[in-house]
Amino acid sequence: MSSRDAAAHSRRVSVLSWDQVRRLDSILGDSVPIHGRGNFPTLSVKPRQIVQGKTEASRAPTMKEALSICP
């Protein structure tokens, strides 16, 4: 990695403080209502579930496996 690449990488990556980690954890653990349209019910979802589902789906080697991960 050249010094230019290292400088660009350091601008894109940052480290969270302990207070930021605690705040992020509390946000990801709180339920968020997602209001349905028309006759569709309101869903209560934790952001952590969305992040975990997307992470697992992005690691799945095939589309069939990606679809089986998401409920």
N, C-alpha and C. Protein backbone atom coordinates (compact mmCIF):
# COMPACT_ATOMS: atom_id res chain seq x y z
N MET A 1 0.85 -1.17 0.00
CA MET A 1 0.00 0.00 0.00
C MET A 1 0.90 1.23 0.00
N SER A 2 0.63 2.12 -0.94
CA SER A 2 1.44 3.34 -1.00
C SER A 2 1.01 4.31 0.09
N SER A 3 1.81 5.32 0.29
CA SER A 3 1.46 6.31 1.33
C SER A 3 0.19 7.06 0.96
N ARG A 4 -0.05 7.23 -0.32
CA ARG A 4 -1.28 7.89 -0.77
C ARG A 4 -2.49 7.02 -0.45
N ASP A 5 -2.37 5.71 -0.71
CA ASP A 5 -3.47 4.78 -0.38
C ASP A 5 -3.70 4.72 1.12
N ALA A 6 -2.62 4.74 1.91
CA ALA A 6 -2.75 4.69 3.36
C ALA A 6 -3.45 5.94 3.88
N ALA A 7 -3.13 7.08 3.30
CA ALA A 7 -3.77 8.33 3.72
C ALA A 7 -5.25 8.31 3.38
N ALA A 8 -5.59 7.82 2.19
CA ALA A 8 -7.00 7.74 1.79
C ALA A 8 -7.75 6.76 2.69
N HIS A 9 -7.10 5.65 3.02
CA HIS A 9 -7.72 4.66 3.90
C HIS A 9 -7.97 5.23 5.30
N SER A 10 -7.03 5.98 5.82
CA SER A 10 -7.19 6.54 7.16
C SER A 10 -8.31 7.58 7.21
N ARG A 11 -8.59 8.23 6.11
CA ARG A 11 -9.70 9.19 6.08
C ARG A 11 -11.05 8.48 6.07
N ARG A 12 -11.10 7.25 5.53
CA ARG A 12 -12.36 6.51 5.44
C ARG A 12 -12.66 5.70 6.70
N VAL A 13 -11.66 5.41 7.49
CA VAL A 13 -11.82 4.54 8.65
C VAL A 13 -11.59 5.36 9.91
N SER A 14 -12.46 5.16 10.88
CA SER A 14 -12.26 5.82 12.16
C SER A 14 -12.61 4.83 13.27
N VAL A 15 -12.14 5.12 14.44
CA VAL A 15 -12.37 4.26 15.60
C VAL A 15 -13.38 4.95 16.51
N LEU A 16 -14.36 4.18 16.97
CA LEU A 16 -15.38 4.73 17.85
C LEU A 16 -14.86 4.78 19.29
N SER A 17 -15.29 5.80 20.00
CA SER A 17 -14.98 5.86 21.43
C SER A 17 -15.92 4.90 22.16
N TRP A 18 -15.63 4.63 23.43
CA TRP A 18 -16.47 3.72 24.20
C TRP A 18 -17.90 4.27 24.32
N ASP A 19 -18.05 5.57 24.51
CA ASP A 19 -19.39 6.17 24.59
C ASP A 19 -20.15 5.99 23.28
N GLN A 20 -19.45 6.12 22.15
CA GLN A 20 -20.09 5.93 20.85
C GLN A 20 -20.51 4.48 20.65
N VAL A 21 -19.69 3.54 21.10
CA VAL A 21 -20.02 2.12 20.99
C VAL A 21 -21.26 1.81 21.83
N ARG A 22 -21.32 2.33 23.05
CA ARG A 22 -22.49 2.11 23.91
C ARG A 22 -23.74 2.70 23.28
N ARG A 23 -23.63 3.89 22.71
CA ARG A 23 -24.78 4.55 22.07
C ARG A 23 -25.25 3.74 20.85
N LEU A 24 -24.30 3.28 20.04
CA LEU A 24 -24.64 2.48 18.87
C LEU A 24 -25.32 1.19 19.29
N ASP A 25 -24.83 0.55 20.33
CA ASP A 25 -25.42 -0.68 20.83
C ASP A 25 -26.86 -0.45 21.29
N SER A 26 -27.10 0.65 21.98
CA SER A 26 -28.46 0.92 22.44
C SER A 26 -29.40 1.22 21.26
N ILE A 27 -28.90 1.90 20.25
CA ILE A 27 -29.73 2.19 19.07
C ILE A 27 -30.05 0.91 18.31
N LEU A 28 -29.05 0.05 18.14
CA LEU A 28 -29.27 -1.19 17.40
C LEU A 28 -30.17 -2.15 18.15
N GLY A 29 -30.28 -2.01 19.46
CA GLY A 29 -31.10 -2.90 20.27
C GLY A 29 -32.53 -2.45 20.45
N ASP A 30 -32.83 -1.19 20.16
CA ASP A 30 -34.19 -0.67 20.31
C ASP A 30 -35.06 -1.09 19.13
N SER A 31 -36.31 -1.42 19.40
CA SER A 31 -37.26 -1.75 18.34
C SER A 31 -37.72 -0.49 17.64
N VAL A 32 -37.84 -0.59 16.32
CA VAL A 32 -38.28 0.54 15.50
C VAL A 32 -39.54 0.11 14.76
N PRO A 33 -40.63 0.87 14.86
CA PRO A 33 -41.84 0.50 14.11
C PRO A 33 -41.70 0.87 12.63
N ILE A 34 -42.05 -0.07 11.77
CA ILE A 34 -42.08 0.18 10.33
C ILE A 34 -43.54 0.06 9.92
N HIS A 35 -44.13 1.21 9.59
CA HIS A 35 -45.56 1.27 9.32
C HIS A 35 -45.87 0.74 7.93
N GLY A 36 -46.84 -0.18 7.89
CA GLY A 36 -47.26 -0.75 6.62
C GLY A 36 -48.25 0.17 5.92
N ARG A 37 -48.39 -0.07 4.64
CA ARG A 37 -49.36 0.71 3.85
C ARG A 37 -50.63 -0.10 3.67
N GLY A 38 -51.73 0.61 3.61
CA GLY A 38 -53.00 -0.05 3.36
C GLY A 38 -53.34 -1.05 4.45
N ASN A 39 -53.51 -2.29 4.06
CA ASN A 39 -53.92 -3.34 4.98
C ASN A 39 -52.72 -4.08 5.58
N PHE A 40 -51.51 -3.62 5.29
CA PHE A 40 -50.31 -4.30 5.80
C PHE A 40 -50.03 -3.80 7.21
N PRO A 41 -49.76 -4.71 8.15
CA PRO A 41 -49.57 -4.31 9.55
C PRO A 41 -48.24 -3.59 9.80
N THR A 42 -48.17 -2.90 10.91
CA THR A 42 -46.94 -2.28 11.35
C THR A 42 -46.02 -3.35 11.92
N LEU A 43 -44.76 -3.33 11.49
CA LEU A 43 -43.78 -4.30 11.97
C LEU A 43 -42.89 -3.63 13.00
N SER A 44 -42.45 -4.39 13.98
CA SER A 44 -41.51 -3.89 14.97
C SER A 44 -40.20 -4.65 14.76
N VAL A 45 -39.16 -3.92 14.34
CA VAL A 45 -37.90 -4.55 13.97
C VAL A 45 -36.76 -3.86 14.71
N LYS A 46 -35.78 -4.64 15.13
CA LYS A 46 -34.56 -4.07 15.71
C LYS A 46 -33.56 -3.84 14.58
N PRO A 47 -32.95 -2.67 14.51
CA PRO A 47 -31.96 -2.42 13.46
C PRO A 47 -30.85 -3.48 13.43
N ARG A 48 -30.52 -4.04 14.58
CA ARG A 48 -29.48 -5.09 14.64
C ARG A 48 -29.86 -6.28 13.76
N GLN A 49 -31.16 -6.63 13.72
CA GLN A 49 -31.62 -7.74 12.90
C GLN A 49 -31.42 -7.44 11.41
N ILE A 50 -31.66 -6.20 11.03
CA ILE A 50 -31.49 -5.81 9.63
C ILE A 50 -30.01 -5.89 9.25
N VAL A 51 -29.15 -5.36 10.10
CA VAL A 51 -27.71 -5.38 9.82
C VAL A 51 -27.20 -6.81 9.74
N GLN A 52 -27.61 -7.67 10.68
CA GLN A 52 -27.17 -9.06 10.68
C GLN A 52 -27.66 -9.80 9.43
N GLY A 53 -28.91 -9.56 9.05
CA GLY A 53 -29.45 -10.21 7.85
C GLY A 53 -28.73 -9.79 6.59
N LYS A 54 -28.45 -8.49 6.47
CA LYS A 54 -27.73 -8.00 5.29
C LYS A 54 -26.30 -8.51 5.27
N THR A 55 -25.66 -8.60 6.43
CA THR A 55 -24.29 -9.10 6.50
C THR A 55 -24.24 -10.56 6.08
N GLU A 56 -25.15 -11.37 6.60
CA GLU A 56 -25.19 -12.78 6.24
C GLU A 56 -25.51 -12.97 4.76
N ALA A 57 -26.44 -12.17 4.24
CA ALA A 57 -26.81 -12.29 2.82
C ALA A 57 -25.65 -11.90 1.91
N SER A 58 -24.87 -10.91 2.32
CA SER A 58 -23.75 -10.50 1.47
C SER A 58 -22.63 -11.53 1.47
N ARG A 59 -22.58 -12.36 2.49
CA ARG A 59 -21.56 -13.41 2.57
C ARG A 59 -22.01 -14.70 1.90
N ALA A 60 -23.29 -14.83 1.57
CA ALA A 60 -23.80 -16.05 0.95
C ALA A 60 -23.27 -16.13 -0.49
N PRO A 61 -22.78 -17.31 -0.89
CA PRO A 61 -22.20 -17.42 -2.22
C PRO A 61 -23.23 -17.45 -3.35
N THR A 62 -24.47 -17.81 -3.07
CA THR A 62 -25.49 -17.87 -4.12
C THR A 62 -26.73 -17.09 -3.72
N MET A 63 -27.51 -16.71 -4.69
CA MET A 63 -28.75 -15.98 -4.43
C MET A 63 -29.73 -16.85 -3.66
N LYS A 64 -29.77 -18.16 -3.97
CA LYS A 64 -30.68 -19.07 -3.26
C LYS A 64 -30.38 -19.08 -1.77
N GLU A 65 -29.10 -19.12 -1.40
CA GLU A 65 -28.72 -19.10 0.01
C GLU A 65 -29.03 -17.75 0.63
N ALA A 66 -28.83 -16.67 -0.12
CA ALA A 66 -29.12 -15.33 0.40
C ALA A 66 -30.61 -15.20 0.71
N LEU A 67 -31.46 -15.72 -0.15
CA LEU A 67 -32.89 -15.63 0.09
C LEU A 67 -33.34 -16.50 1.25
N SER A 68 -32.66 -17.61 1.50
CA SER A 68 -33.07 -18.48 2.59
C SER A 68 -32.69 -17.89 3.95
N ILE A 69 -31.74 -16.94 3.99
CA ILE A 69 -31.33 -16.33 5.24
C ILE A 69 -32.38 -15.35 5.73
N CYS A 70 -32.93 -14.56 4.81
CA CYS A 70 -33.91 -13.54 5.18
C CYS A 70 -35.27 -14.19 5.38
N PRO A 71 -35.91 -13.94 6.52
CA PRO A 71 -37.23 -14.55 6.77
C PRO A 71 -38.30 -13.96 5.89
